[in-house]
Amino acid sequence: MSQQSTSLLTLTVTAAGTIAAGRFVTPAGAQAGADVNTLGVARTAAVATNKIPVDVLGTAVVEAGAAISAGATLKSDSSGRAITWATSGAKVALALQAAGGAGEFIEVLLVPNVA
């Protein structure tokens, strides 16, 4: 799908481990797991100790972990991909586009999140 984004704030983060591009990243610099608070979305892939740009405010391109409807509230799955928020977990973004299934990249609006 989309490969466009409008970042209002991008921070440089030191990767704590392997991070795939387009995945949610935690404040500790790790690829996000299921339901966790996120800092933003990695613009590039990284391995431990690499410095990477992470989109924190604005829109970002993220990989979907399942089908997503445009307008859905999103959270992170166990691999740091976007999935629809249902009843639990940190709400981290709003889908600006739909995804037909896992592996598609969509534009999302990042939202501040705290559990």
PDB file of N, CA and C in Angstrom:
ATOM      1  N   MET A   1       0.840  -1.172   0.000  1.00  0.00           N
ATOM      2  CA  MET A   1       0.000   0.000   0.000  1.00  0.00           C
ATOM      3  C   MET A   1       0.894   1.247   0.000  1.00  0.00           C
ATOM      4  N   SER A   2       0.702   2.104   0.972  1.00  0.00           N
ATOM      5  CA  SER A   2       1.386   3.393   0.990  1.00  0.00           C
ATOM      6  C   SER A   2       2.850   3.283   1.390  1.00  0.00           C
ATOM      7  N   GLN A   3       3.645   4.118   0.814  1.00  0.00           N
ATOM      8  CA  GLN A   3       5.040   4.242   1.231  1.00  0.00           C
ATOM      9  C   GLN A   3       5.323   5.706   1.563  1.00  0.00           C
ATOM     10  N   GLN A   4       4.295   6.459   1.936  1.00  0.00           N
ATOM     11  CA  GLN A   4       4.474   7.860   2.281  1.00  0.00           C
ATOM     12  C   GLN A   4       4.239   8.050   3.768  1.00  0.00           C
ATOM     13  N   SER A   5       4.869   9.072   4.317  1.00  0.00           N
ATOM     14  CA  SER A   5       4.635   9.428   5.707  1.00  0.00           C
ATOM     15  C   SER A   5       5.025  10.880   5.909  1.00  0.00           C
ATOM     16  N   THR A   6       4.478  11.475   6.956  1.00  0.00           N
ATOM     17  CA  THR A   6       4.823  12.839   7.320  1.00  0.00           C
ATOM     18  C   THR A   6       5.204  12.832   8.791  1.00  0.00           C
ATOM     19  N   SER A   7       6.484  12.728   9.041  1.00  0.00           N
ATOM     20  CA  SER A   7       6.966  12.697  10.414  1.00  0.00           C
ATOM     21  C   SER A   7       7.145  14.123  10.918  1.00  0.00           C
ATOM     22  N   LEU A   8       6.619  14.392  12.110  1.00  0.00           N
ATOM     23  CA  LEU A   8       6.803  15.696  12.741  1.00  0.00           C
ATOM     24  C   LEU A   8       7.977  15.663  13.712  1.00  0.00           C
ATOM     25  N   LEU A   9       8.311  14.453  14.178  1.00  0.00           N
ATOM     26  CA  LEU A   9       9.444  14.272  15.068  1.00  0.00           C
ATOM     27  C   LEU A   9      10.034  12.888  14.833  1.00  0.00           C
ATOM     28  N   THR A  10      11.300  12.852  14.474  1.00  0.00           N
ATOM     29  CA  THR A  10      12.035  11.597  14.310  1.00  0.00           C
ATOM     30  C   THR A  10      13.221  11.639  15.263  1.00  0.00           C
ATOM     31  N   LEU A  11      13.344  10.609  16.095  1.00  0.00           N
ATOM     32  CA  LEU A  11      14.437  10.525  17.054  1.00  0.00           C
ATOM     33  C   LEU A  11      15.416   9.437  16.640  1.00  0.00           C
ATOM     34  N   THR A  12      16.678   9.638  16.965  1.00  0.00           N
ATOM     35  CA  THR A  12      17.695   8.613  16.741  1.00  0.00           C
ATOM     36  C   THR A  12      17.739   7.739  17.986  1.00  0.00           C
ATOM     37  N   VAL A  13      17.596   6.427  17.776  1.00  0.00           N
ATOM     38  CA  VAL A  13      17.549   5.468  18.877  1.00  0.00           C
ATOM     39  C   VAL A  13      18.636   4.420  18.664  1.00  0.00           C
ATOM     40  N   THR A  14      19.257   3.988  19.749  1.00  0.00           N
ATOM     41  CA  THR A  14      20.216   2.891  19.678  1.00  0.00           C
ATOM     42  C   THR A  14      19.444   1.582  19.803  1.00  0.00           C
ATOM     43  N   ALA A  15      19.560   0.735  18.799  1.00  0.00           N
ATOM     44  CA  ALA A  15      18.832  -0.533  18.797  1.00  0.00           C
ATOM     45  C   ALA A  15      19.352  -1.458  19.892  1.00  0.00           C
ATOM     46  N   ALA A  16      18.423  -2.051  20.637  1.00  0.00           N
ATOM     47  CA  ALA A  16      18.787  -2.991  21.701  1.00  0.00           C
ATOM     48  C   ALA A  16      18.891  -4.416  21.161  1.00  0.00           C
ATOM     49  N   GLY A  17      18.485  -4.608  19.916  1.00  0.00           N
ATOM     50  CA  GLY A  17      18.507  -5.927  19.284  1.00  0.00           C
ATOM     51  C   GLY A  17      18.121  -5.755  17.829  1.00  0.00           C
ATOM     52  N   THR A  18      17.740  -6.840  17.188  1.00  0.00           N
ATOM     53  CA  THR A  18      17.336  -6.770  15.789  1.00  0.00           C
ATOM     54  C   THR A  18      15.961  -6.109  15.670  1.00  0.00           C
ATOM     55  N   ILE A  19      15.865  -5.149  14.765  1.00  0.00           N
ATOM     56  CA  ILE A  19      14.609  -4.434  14.501  1.00  0.00           C
ATOM     57  C   ILE A  19      14.394  -4.411  13.000  1.00  0.00           C
ATOM     58  N   ALA A  20      13.218  -4.787  12.565  1.00  0.00           N
ATOM     59  CA  ALA A  20      12.869  -4.724  11.149  1.00  0.00           C
ATOM     60  C   ALA A  20      12.312  -3.338  10.831  1.00  0.00           C
ATOM     61  N   ALA A  21      12.550  -2.857   9.622  1.00  0.00           N
ATOM     62  CA  ALA A  21      11.992  -1.570   9.189  1.00  0.00           C
ATOM     63  C   ALA A  21      10.476  -1.656   9.181  1.00  0.00           C
ATOM     64  N   GLY A  22       9.827  -0.562   9.583  1.00  0.00           N
ATOM     65  CA  GLY A  22       8.368  -0.527   9.566  1.00  0.00           C
ATOM     66  C   GLY A  22       7.723  -1.238  10.732  1.00  0.00           C
ATOM     67  N   ARG A  23       8.474  -1.478  11.791  1.00  0.00           N
ATOM     68  CA  ARG A  23       7.936  -2.127  12.992  1.00  0.00           C
ATOM     69  C   ARG A  23       7.953  -1.136  14.147  1.00  0.00           C
ATOM     70  N   PHE A  24       7.037  -1.349  15.101  1.00  0.00           N
ATOM     71  CA  PHE A  24       7.004  -0.510  16.296  1.00  0.00           C
ATOM     72  C   PHE A  24       8.243  -0.773  17.147  1.00  0.00           C
ATOM     73  N   VAL A  25       8.740   0.298  17.794  1.00  0.00           N
ATOM     74  CA  VAL A  25       9.936   0.251  18.630  1.00  0.00           C
ATOM     75  C   VAL A  25       9.580   0.766  20.021  1.00  0.00           C
ATOM     76  N   THR A  26      10.135   0.132  21.054  1.00  0.00           N
ATOM     77  CA  THR A  26       9.881   0.555  22.435  1.00  0.00           C
ATOM     78  C   THR A  26      10.801   1.710  22.825  1.00  0.00           C
ATOM     79  N   PRO A  27      10.487   2.399  23.928  1.00  0.00           N
ATOM     80  CA  PRO A  27      11.380   3.456  24.404  1.00  0.00           C
ATOM     81  C   PRO A  27      12.779   2.933  24.745  1.00  0.00           C
ATOM     82  N   ALA A  28      12.910   1.630  25.017  1.00  0.00           N
ATOM     83  CA  ALA A  28      14.208   1.034  25.338  1.00  0.00           C
ATOM     84  C   ALA A  28      15.014   0.684  24.088  1.00  0.00           C
ATOM     85  N   GLY A  29      14.443   0.894  22.909  1.00  0.00           N
ATOM     86  CA  GLY A  29      15.164   0.624  21.668  1.00  0.00           C
ATOM     87  C   GLY A  29      15.024  -0.794  21.155  1.00  0.00           C
ATOM     88  N   ALA A  30      14.049  -1.526  21.654  1.00  0.00           N
ATOM     89  CA  ALA A  30      13.812  -2.896  21.199  1.00  0.00           C
ATOM     90  C   ALA A  30      12.624  -2.925  20.245  1.00  0.00           C
ATOM     91  N   GLN A  31      12.587  -3.926  19.366  1.00  0.00           N
ATOM     92  CA  GLN A  31      11.390  -4.122  18.544  1.00  0.00           C
ATOM     93  C   GLN A  31      10.256  -4.469  19.499  1.00  0.00           C
ATOM     94  N   ALA A  32       9.124  -3.801  19.344  1.00  0.00           N
ATOM     95  CA  ALA A  32       8.011  -3.966  20.273  1.00  0.00           C
ATOM     96  C   ALA A  32       7.447  -5.383  20.244  1.00  0.00           C
ATOM     97  N   GLY A  33       6.911  -5.780  21.376  1.00  0.00           N
ATOM     98  CA  GLY A  33       6.197  -7.041  21.491  1.00  0.00           C
ATOM     99  C   GLY A  33       4.705  -6.764  21.600  1.00  0.00           C
ATOM    100  N   ALA A  34       3.948  -7.775  21.926  1.00  0.00           N
ATOM    101  CA  ALA A  34       2.489  -7.653  22.004  1.00  0.00           C
ATOM    102  C   ALA A  34       2.055  -6.698  23.113  1.00  0.00           C
ATOM    103  N   ASP A  35       1.139  -5.808  22.760  1.00  0.00           N
ATOM    104  CA  ASP A  35       0.419  -4.951  23.714  1.00  0.00           C
ATOM    105  C   ASP A  35       1.248  -3.883  24.430  1.00  0.00           C
ATOM    106  N   VAL A  36       2.520  -3.704  24.090  1.00  0.00           N
ATOM    107  CA  VAL A  36       3.380  -2.790  24.847  1.00  0.00           C
ATOM    108  C   VAL A  36       3.270  -1.341  24.371  1.00  0.00           C
ATOM    109  N   ASN A  37       3.699  -0.431  25.245  1.00  0.00           N
ATOM    110  CA  ASN A  37       3.838   0.964  24.846  1.00  0.00           C
ATOM    111  C   ASN A  37       4.968   1.063  23.833  1.00  0.00           C
ATOM    112  N   THR A  38       4.813   1.959  22.885  1.00  0.00           N
ATOM    113  CA  THR A  38       5.838   2.139  21.866  1.00  0.00           C
ATOM    114  C   THR A  38       6.304   3.578  21.812  1.00  0.00           C
ATOM    115  N   LEU A  39       7.536   3.759  21.353  1.00  0.00           N
ATOM    116  CA  LEU A  39       8.069   5.093  21.121  1.00  0.00           C
ATOM    117  C   LEU A  39       7.660   5.572  19.742  1.00  0.00           C
ATOM    118  N   GLY A  40       7.671   4.659  18.760  1.00  0.00           N
ATOM    119  CA  GLY A  40       7.348   5.016  17.389  1.00  0.00           C
ATOM    120  C   GLY A  40       7.620   3.862  16.451  1.00  0.00           C
ATOM    121  N   VAL A  41       7.914   4.204  15.184  1.00  0.00           N
ATOM    122  CA  VAL A  41       8.110   3.202  14.137  1.00  0.00           C
ATOM    123  C   VAL A  41       9.501   3.360  13.525  1.00  0.00           C
ATOM    124  N   ALA A  42      10.216   2.238  13.395  1.00  0.00           N
ATOM    125  CA  ALA A  42      11.558   2.248  12.806  1.00  0.00           C
ATOM    126  C   ALA A  42      11.479   2.554  11.316  1.00  0.00           C
ATOM    127  N   ARG A  43      12.280   3.504  10.865  1.00  0.00           N
ATOM    128  CA  ARG A  43      12.342   3.819   9.431  1.00  0.00           C
ATOM    129  C   ARG A  43      13.227   2.844   8.671  1.00  0.00           C
ATOM    130  N   THR A  44      14.214   2.283   9.360  1.00  0.00           N
ATOM    131  CA  THR A  44      15.160   1.361   8.733  1.00  0.00           C
ATOM    132  C   THR A  44      15.345   0.144   9.624  1.00  0.00           C
ATOM    133  N   ALA A  45      15.908  -0.909   9.063  1.00  0.00           N
ATOM    134  CA  ALA A  45      16.227  -2.104   9.845  1.00  0.00           C
ATOM    135  C   ALA A  45      17.510  -1.856  10.632  1.00  0.00           C
ATOM    136  N   ALA A  46      17.691  -2.621  11.717  1.00  0.00           N
ATOM    137  CA  ALA A  46      18.879  -2.454  12.539  1.00  0.00           C
ATOM    138  C   ALA A  46      19.198  -3.739  13.291  1.00  0.00           C
ATOM    139  N   VAL A  47      20.435  -3.825  13.726  1.00  0.00           N
ATOM    140  CA  VAL A  47      20.864  -4.864  14.667  1.00  0.00           C
ATOM    141  C   VAL A  47      21.376  -4.136  15.908  1.00  0.00           C
ATOM    142  N   ALA A  48      21.613  -4.884  16.977  1.00  0.00           N
ATOM    143  CA  ALA A  48      22.022  -4.294  18.255  1.00  0.00           C
ATOM    144  C   ALA A  48      23.152  -3.287  18.073  1.00  0.00           C
ATOM    145  N   THR A  49      23.030  -2.180  18.751  1.00  0.00           N
ATOM    146  CA  THR A  49      23.953  -1.032  18.814  1.00  0.00           C
ATOM    147  C   THR A  49      23.897  -0.094  17.611  1.00  0.00           C
ATOM    148  N   ASN A  50      23.161  -0.468  16.541  1.00  0.00           N
ATOM    149  CA  ASN A  50      22.993   0.464  15.416  1.00  0.00           C
ATOM    150  C   ASN A  50      22.151   1.653  15.866  1.00  0.00           C
ATOM    151  N   LYS A  51      22.440   2.809  15.322  1.00  0.00           N
ATOM    152  CA  LYS A  51      21.607   3.997  15.529  1.00  0.00           C
ATOM    153  C   LYS A  51      20.592   4.022  14.390  1.00  0.00           C
ATOM    154  N   ILE A  52      19.307   4.143  14.729  1.00  0.00           N
ATOM    155  CA  ILE A  52      18.268   4.148  13.697  1.00  0.00           C
ATOM    156  C   ILE A  52      17.291   5.302  13.909  1.00  0.00           C
ATOM    157  N   PRO A  53      16.699   5.814  12.816  1.00  0.00           N
ATOM    158  CA  PRO A  53      15.669   6.841  12.940  1.00  0.00           C
ATOM    159  C   PRO A  53      14.326   6.193  13.275  1.00  0.00           C
ATOM    160  N   VAL A  54      13.652   6.759  14.283  1.00  0.00           N
ATOM    161  CA  VAL A  54      12.338   6.264  14.705  1.00  0.00           C
ATOM    162  C   VAL A  54      11.351   7.425  14.632  1.00  0.00           C
ATOM    163  N   ASP A  55      10.316   7.273  13.806  1.00  0.00           N
ATOM    164  CA  ASP A  55       9.258   8.288  13.718  1.00  0.00           C
ATOM    165  C   ASP A  55       8.423   8.218  14.986  1.00  0.00           C
ATOM    166  N   VAL A  56       8.304   9.370  15.678  1.00  0.00           N
ATOM    167  CA  VAL A  56       7.648   9.419  16.977  1.00  0.00           C
ATOM    168  C   VAL A  56       6.316  10.169  16.925  1.00  0.00           C
ATOM    169  N   LEU A  57       6.263  11.247  16.172  1.00  0.00           N
ATOM    170  CA  LEU A  57       5.040  12.038  16.029  1.00  0.00           C
ATOM    171  C   LEU A  57       4.743  12.229  14.555  1.00  0.00           C
ATOM    172  N   GLY A  58       3.461  12.269  14.222  1.00  0.00           N
ATOM    173  CA  GLY A  58       3.047  12.437  12.839  1.00  0.00           C
ATOM    174  C   GLY A  58       2.560  11.124  12.268  1.00  0.00           C
ATOM    175  N   THR A  59       2.816  10.923  10.977  1.00  0.00           N
ATOM    176  CA  THR A  59       2.411   9.662  10.367  1.00  0.00           C
ATOM    177  C   THR A  59       3.662   8.840  10.057  1.00  0.00           C
ATOM    178  N   ALA A  60       3.465   7.527   9.962  1.00  0.00           N
ATOM    179  CA  ALA A  60       4.563   6.613   9.676  1.00  0.00           C
ATOM    180  C   ALA A  60       4.033   5.461   8.844  1.00  0.00           C
ATOM    181  N   VAL A  61       4.938   4.767   8.177  1.00  0.00           N
ATOM    182  CA  VAL A  61       4.579   3.578   7.419  1.00  0.00           C
ATOM    183  C   VAL A  61       4.953   2.370   8.271  1.00  0.00           C
ATOM    184  N   VAL A  62       3.950   1.531   8.557  1.00  0.00           N
ATOM    185  CA  VAL A  62       4.146   0.378   9.426  1.00  0.00           C
ATOM    186  C   VAL A  62       3.660  -0.891   8.735  1.00  0.00           C
ATOM    187  N   GLU A  63       4.273  -2.012   9.087  1.00  0.00           N
ATOM    188  CA  GLU A  63       3.855  -3.300   8.540  1.00  0.00           C
ATOM    189  C   GLU A  63       2.666  -3.842   9.319  1.00  0.00           C
ATOM    190  N   ALA A  64       1.655  -4.284   8.598  1.00  0.00           N
ATOM    191  CA  ALA A  64       0.467  -4.870   9.224  1.00  0.00           C
ATOM    192  C   ALA A  64       0.741  -6.322   9.604  1.00  0.00           C
ATOM    193  N   GLY A  65       0.166  -6.749  10.730  1.00  0.00           N
ATOM    194  CA  GLY A  65       0.280  -8.132  11.165  1.00  0.00           C
ATOM    195  C   GLY A  65      -0.960  -8.938  10.853  1.00  0.00           C
ATOM    196  N   ALA A  66      -1.980  -8.274  10.312  1.00  0.00           N
ATOM    197  CA  ALA A  66      -3.260  -8.907   9.967  1.00  0.00           C
ATOM    198  C   ALA A  66      -4.053  -7.899   9.137  1.00  0.00           C
ATOM    199  N   ALA A  67      -5.233  -8.289   8.693  1.00  0.00           N
ATOM    200  CA  ALA A  67      -6.104  -7.344   7.983  1.00  0.00           C
ATOM    201  C   ALA A  67      -6.489  -6.209   8.935  1.00  0.00           C
ATOM    202  N   ILE A  68      -6.506  -4.975   8.410  1.00  0.00           N
ATOM    203  CA  ILE A  68      -6.824  -3.792   9.206  1.00  0.00           C
ATOM    204  C   ILE A  68      -7.760  -2.913   8.397  1.00  0.00           C
ATOM    205  N   SER A  69      -8.785  -2.375   9.042  1.00  0.00           N
ATOM    206  CA  SER A  69      -9.692  -1.424   8.394  1.00  0.00           C
ATOM    207  C   SER A  69      -9.165  -0.012   8.583  1.00  0.00           C
ATOM    208  N   ALA A  70      -9.353   0.834   7.581  1.00  0.00           N
ATOM    209  CA  ALA A  70      -8.990   2.242   7.719  1.00  0.00           C
ATOM    210  C   ALA A  70      -9.780   2.829   8.881  1.00  0.00           C
ATOM    211  N   GLY A  71      -9.121   3.616   9.708  1.00  0.00           N
ATOM    212  CA  GLY A  71      -9.766   4.230  10.867  1.00  0.00           C
ATOM    213  C   GLY A  71      -9.668   3.411  12.137  1.00  0.00           C
ATOM    214  N   ALA A  72      -9.148   2.189  12.048  1.00  0.00           N
ATOM    215  CA  ALA A  72      -9.051   1.318  13.224  1.00  0.00           C
ATOM    216  C   ALA A  72      -7.980   1.822  14.189  1.00  0.00           C
ATOM    217  N   THR A  73      -8.241   1.623  15.480  1.00  0.00           N
ATOM    218  CA  THR A  73      -7.237   1.873  16.511  1.00  0.00           C
ATOM    219  C   THR A  73      -6.292   0.680  16.510  1.00  0.00           C
ATOM    220  N   LEU A  74      -4.987   0.946  16.633  1.00  0.00           N
ATOM    221  CA  LEU A  74      -3.994  -0.115  16.482  1.00  0.00           C
ATOM    222  C   LEU A  74      -3.155  -0.318  17.726  1.00  0.00           C
ATOM    223  N   LYS A  75      -2.621  -1.538  17.822  1.00  0.00           N
ATOM    224  CA  LYS A  75      -1.635  -1.882  18.842  1.00  0.00           C
ATOM    225  C   LYS A  75      -0.555  -2.710  18.173  1.00  0.00           C
ATOM    226  N   SER A  76       0.468  -3.064  18.930  1.00  0.00           N
ATOM    227  CA  SER A  76       1.565  -3.876  18.409  1.00  0.00           C
ATOM    228  C   SER A  76       1.289  -5.355  18.663  1.00  0.00           C
ATOM    229  N   ASP A  77       1.642  -6.202  17.670  1.00  0.00           N
ATOM    230  CA  ASP A  77       1.563  -7.645  17.900  1.00  0.00           C
ATOM    231  C   ASP A  77       2.904  -8.127  18.454  1.00  0.00           C
ATOM    232  N   SER A  78       3.085  -9.412  18.610  1.00  0.00           N
ATOM    233  CA  SER A  78       4.302  -9.952  19.220  1.00  0.00           C
ATOM    234  C   SER A  78       5.558  -9.716  18.385  1.00  0.00           C
ATOM    235  N   SER A  79       5.394  -9.328  17.114  1.00  0.00           N
ATOM    236  CA  SER A  79       6.527  -9.053  16.226  1.00  0.00           C
ATOM    237  C   SER A  79       6.703  -7.571  15.923  1.00  0.00           C
ATOM    238  N   GLY A  80       5.962  -6.712  16.625  1.00  0.00           N
ATOM    239  CA  GLY A  80       6.075  -5.277  16.405  1.00  0.00           C
ATOM    240  C   GLY A  80       5.287  -4.758  15.218  1.00  0.00           C
ATOM    241  N   ARG A  81       4.431  -5.620  14.627  1.00  0.00           N
ATOM    242  CA  ARG A  81       3.588  -5.191  13.503  1.00  0.00           C
ATOM    243  C   ARG A  81       2.266  -4.623  14.036  1.00  0.00           C
ATOM    244  N   ALA A  82       1.584  -3.851  13.211  1.00  0.00           N
ATOM    245  CA  ALA A  82       0.308  -3.247  13.606  1.00  0.00           C
ATOM    246  C   ALA A  82      -0.834  -4.249  13.468  1.00  0.00           C
ATOM    247  N   ILE A  83      -1.665  -4.311  14.505  1.00  0.00           N
ATOM    248  CA  ILE A  83      -2.901  -5.087  14.448  1.00  0.00           C
ATOM    249  C   ILE A  83      -3.999  -4.253  15.095  1.00  0.00           C
ATOM    250  N   THR A  84      -5.238  -4.612  14.826  1.00  0.00           N
ATOM    251  CA  THR A  84      -6.375  -3.871  15.382  1.00  0.00           C
ATOM    252  C   THR A  84      -6.466  -4.074  16.887  1.00  0.00           C
ATOM    253  N   TRP A  85      -6.615  -2.968  17.619  1.00  0.00           N
ATOM    254  CA  TRP A  85      -6.818  -3.022  19.068  1.00  0.00           C
ATOM    255  C   TRP A  85      -8.238  -3.495  19.319  1.00  0.00           C
ATOM    256  N   ALA A  86      -8.411  -4.447  20.216  1.00  0.00           N
ATOM    257  CA  ALA A  86      -9.752  -4.961  20.508  1.00  0.00           C
ATOM    258  C   ALA A  86     -10.158  -4.622  21.939  1.00  0.00           C
ATOM    259  N   THR A  87      -9.484  -5.195  22.918  1.00  0.00           N
ATOM    260  CA  THR A  87      -9.878  -4.971  24.307  1.00  0.00           C
ATOM    261  C   THR A  87      -8.729  -4.700  25.257  1.00  0.00           C
ATOM    262  N   SER A  88      -7.503  -4.973  24.855  1.00  0.00           N
ATOM    263  CA  SER A  88      -6.384  -4.758  25.771  1.00  0.00           C
ATOM    264  C   SER A  88      -5.129  -4.369  25.001  1.00  0.00           C
ATOM    265  N   GLY A  89      -4.169  -3.872  25.754  1.00  0.00           N
ATOM    266  CA  GLY A  89      -2.909  -3.440  25.155  1.00  0.00           C
ATOM    267  C   GLY A  89      -2.883  -1.947  24.924  1.00  0.00           C
ATOM    268  N   ALA A  90      -1.692  -1.421  24.736  1.00  0.00           N
ATOM    269  CA  ALA A  90      -1.519   0.013  24.504  1.00  0.00           C
ATOM    270  C   ALA A  90      -2.004   0.400  23.111  1.00  0.00           C
ATOM    271  N   LYS A  91      -2.806   1.436  23.048  1.00  0.00           N
ATOM    272  CA  LYS A  91      -3.256   1.988  21.759  1.00  0.00           C
ATOM    273  C   LYS A  91      -2.136   2.894  21.256  1.00  0.00           C
ATOM    274  N   VAL A  92      -1.553   2.547  20.076  1.00  0.00           N
ATOM    275  CA  VAL A  92      -0.359   3.251  19.623  1.00  0.00           C
ATOM    276  C   VAL A  92      -0.516   4.037  18.328  1.00  0.00           C
ATOM    277  N   ALA A  93      -1.595   3.778  17.569  1.00  0.00           N
ATOM    278  CA  ALA A  93      -1.757   4.469  16.278  1.00  0.00           C
ATOM    279  C   ALA A  93      -3.185   4.308  15.761  1.00  0.00           C
ATOM    280  N   LEU A  94      -3.506   5.107  14.748  1.00  0.00           N
ATOM    281  CA  LEU A  94      -4.773   5.003  14.018  1.00  0.00           C
ATOM    282  C   LEU A  94      -4.436   4.685  12.564  1.00  0.00           C
ATOM    283  N   ALA A  95      -5.134   3.738  11.990  1.00  0.00           N
ATOM    284  CA  ALA A  95      -4.895   3.357  10.598  1.00  0.00           C
ATOM    285  C   ALA A  95      -5.469   4.407   9.662  1.00  0.00           C
ATOM    286  N   LEU A  96      -4.636   4.966   8.800  1.00  0.00           N
ATOM    287  CA  LEU A  96      -5.103   5.913   7.787  1.00  0.00           C
ATOM    288  C   LEU A  96      -5.460   5.194   6.497  1.00  0.00           C
ATOM    289  N   GLN A  97      -5.039   3.936   6.400  1.00  0.00           N
ATOM    290  CA  GLN A  97      -5.326   3.107   5.231  1.00  0.00           C
ATOM    291  C   GLN A  97      -5.673   1.703   5.698  1.00  0.00           C
ATOM    292  N   ALA A  98      -6.331   0.964   4.850  1.00  0.00           N
ATOM    293  CA  ALA A  98      -6.653  -0.434   5.144  1.00  0.00           C
ATOM    294  C   ALA A  98      -5.520  -1.338   4.693  1.00  0.00           C
ATOM    295  N   ALA A  99      -5.404  -2.485   5.367  1.00  0.00           N
ATOM    296  CA  ALA A  99      -4.461  -3.534   4.952  1.00  0.00           C
ATOM    297  C   ALA A  99      -5.276  -4.797   4.724  1.00  0.00           C
ATOM    298  N   GLY A 100      -5.010  -5.478   3.615  1.00  0.00           N
ATOM    299  CA  GLY A 100      -5.728  -6.708   3.291  1.00  0.00           C
ATOM    300  C   GLY A 100      -5.255  -7.903   4.086  1.00  0.00           C
ATOM    301  N   GLY A 101      -4.064  -7.792   4.685  1.00  0.00           N
ATOM    302  CA  GLY A 101      -3.518  -8.898   5.456  1.00  0.00           C
ATOM    303  C   GLY A 101      -2.116  -8.605   5.931  1.00  0.00           C
ATOM    304  N   ALA A 102      -1.519  -9.570   6.597  1.00  0.00           N
ATOM    305  CA  ALA A 102      -0.169  -9.436   7.134  1.00  0.00           C
ATOM    306  C   ALA A 102       0.836  -9.179   6.016  1.00  0.00           C
ATOM    307  N   GLY A 103       1.831  -8.358   6.327  1.00  0.00           N
ATOM    308  CA  GLY A 103       2.897  -8.076   5.382  1.00  0.00           C
ATOM    309  C   GLY A 103       2.684  -6.833   4.539  1.00  0.00           C
ATOM    310  N   GLU A 104       1.477  -6.284   4.533  1.00  0.00           N
ATOM    311  CA  GLU A 104       1.232  -5.042   3.798  1.00  0.00           C
ATOM    312  C   GLU A 104       1.704  -3.862   4.638  1.00  0.00           C
ATOM    313  N   PHE A 105       2.139  -2.807   3.965  1.00  0.00           N
ATOM    314  CA  PHE A 105       2.583  -1.596   4.640  1.00  0.00           C
ATOM    315  C   PHE A 105       1.528  -0.513   4.463  1.00  0.00           C
ATOM    316  N   ILE A 106       1.155   0.124   5.585  1.00  0.00           N
ATOM    317  CA  ILE A 106       0.120   1.162   5.553  1.00  0.00           C
ATOM    318  C   ILE A 106       0.598   2.395   6.312  1.00  0.00           C
ATOM    319  N   GLU A 107      -0.003   3.519   5.987  1.00  0.00           N
ATOM    320  CA  GLU A 107       0.289   4.741   6.709  1.00  0.00           C
ATOM    321  C   GLU A 107      -0.601   4.811   7.945  1.00  0.00           C
ATOM    322  N   VAL A 108       0.006   5.176   9.089  1.00  0.00           N
ATOM    323  CA  VAL A 108      -0.727   5.294  10.342  1.00  0.00           C
ATOM    324  C   VAL A 108      -0.434   6.639  10.980  1.00  0.00           C
ATOM    325  N   LEU A 109      -1.342   7.104  11.810  1.00  0.00           N
ATOM    326  CA  LEU A 109      -1.148   8.300  12.608  1.00  0.00           C
ATOM    327  C   LEU A 109      -0.709   7.839  13.997  1.00  0.00           C
ATOM    328  N   LEU A 110       0.497   8.195  14.384  1.00  0.00           N
ATOM    329  CA  LEU A 110       1.012   7.788  15.691  1.00  0.00           C
ATOM    330  C   LEU A 110       0.316   8.584  16.793  1.00  0.00           C
ATOM    331  N   VAL A 111      -0.014   7.903  17.891  1.00  0.00           N
ATOM    332  CA  VAL A 111      -0.659   8.567  19.025  1.00  0.00           C
ATOM    333  C   VAL A 111       0.179   8.334  20.285  1.00  0.00           C
ATOM    334  N   PRO A 112       0.257   9.359  21.151  1.00  0.00           N
ATOM    335  CA  PRO A 112       0.978   9.155  22.419  1.00  0.00           C
ATOM    336  C   PRO A 112       0.299   8.024  23.193  1.00  0.00           C
ATOM    337  N   ASN A 113       1.108   7.190  23.832  1.00  0.00           N
ATOM    338  CA  ASN A 113       0.530   6.046  24.545  1.00  0.00           C
ATOM    339  C   ASN A 113       1.246   5.810  25.857  1.00  0.00           C
ATOM    340  N   VAL A 114       0.454   5.475  26.854  1.00  0.00           N
ATOM    341  CA  VAL A 114       0.980   5.098  28.164  1.00  0.00           C
ATOM    342  C   VAL A 114       0.024   4.087  28.771  1.00  0.00           C
ATOM    343  N   ALA A 115       0.574   3.043  29.355  1.00  0.00           N
ATOM    344  CA  ALA A 115      -0.285   2.018  29.954  1.00  0.00           C
ATOM    345  C   ALA A 115      -0.600   2.377  31.381  1.00  0.00           C
TER     346      ALA A 115
END
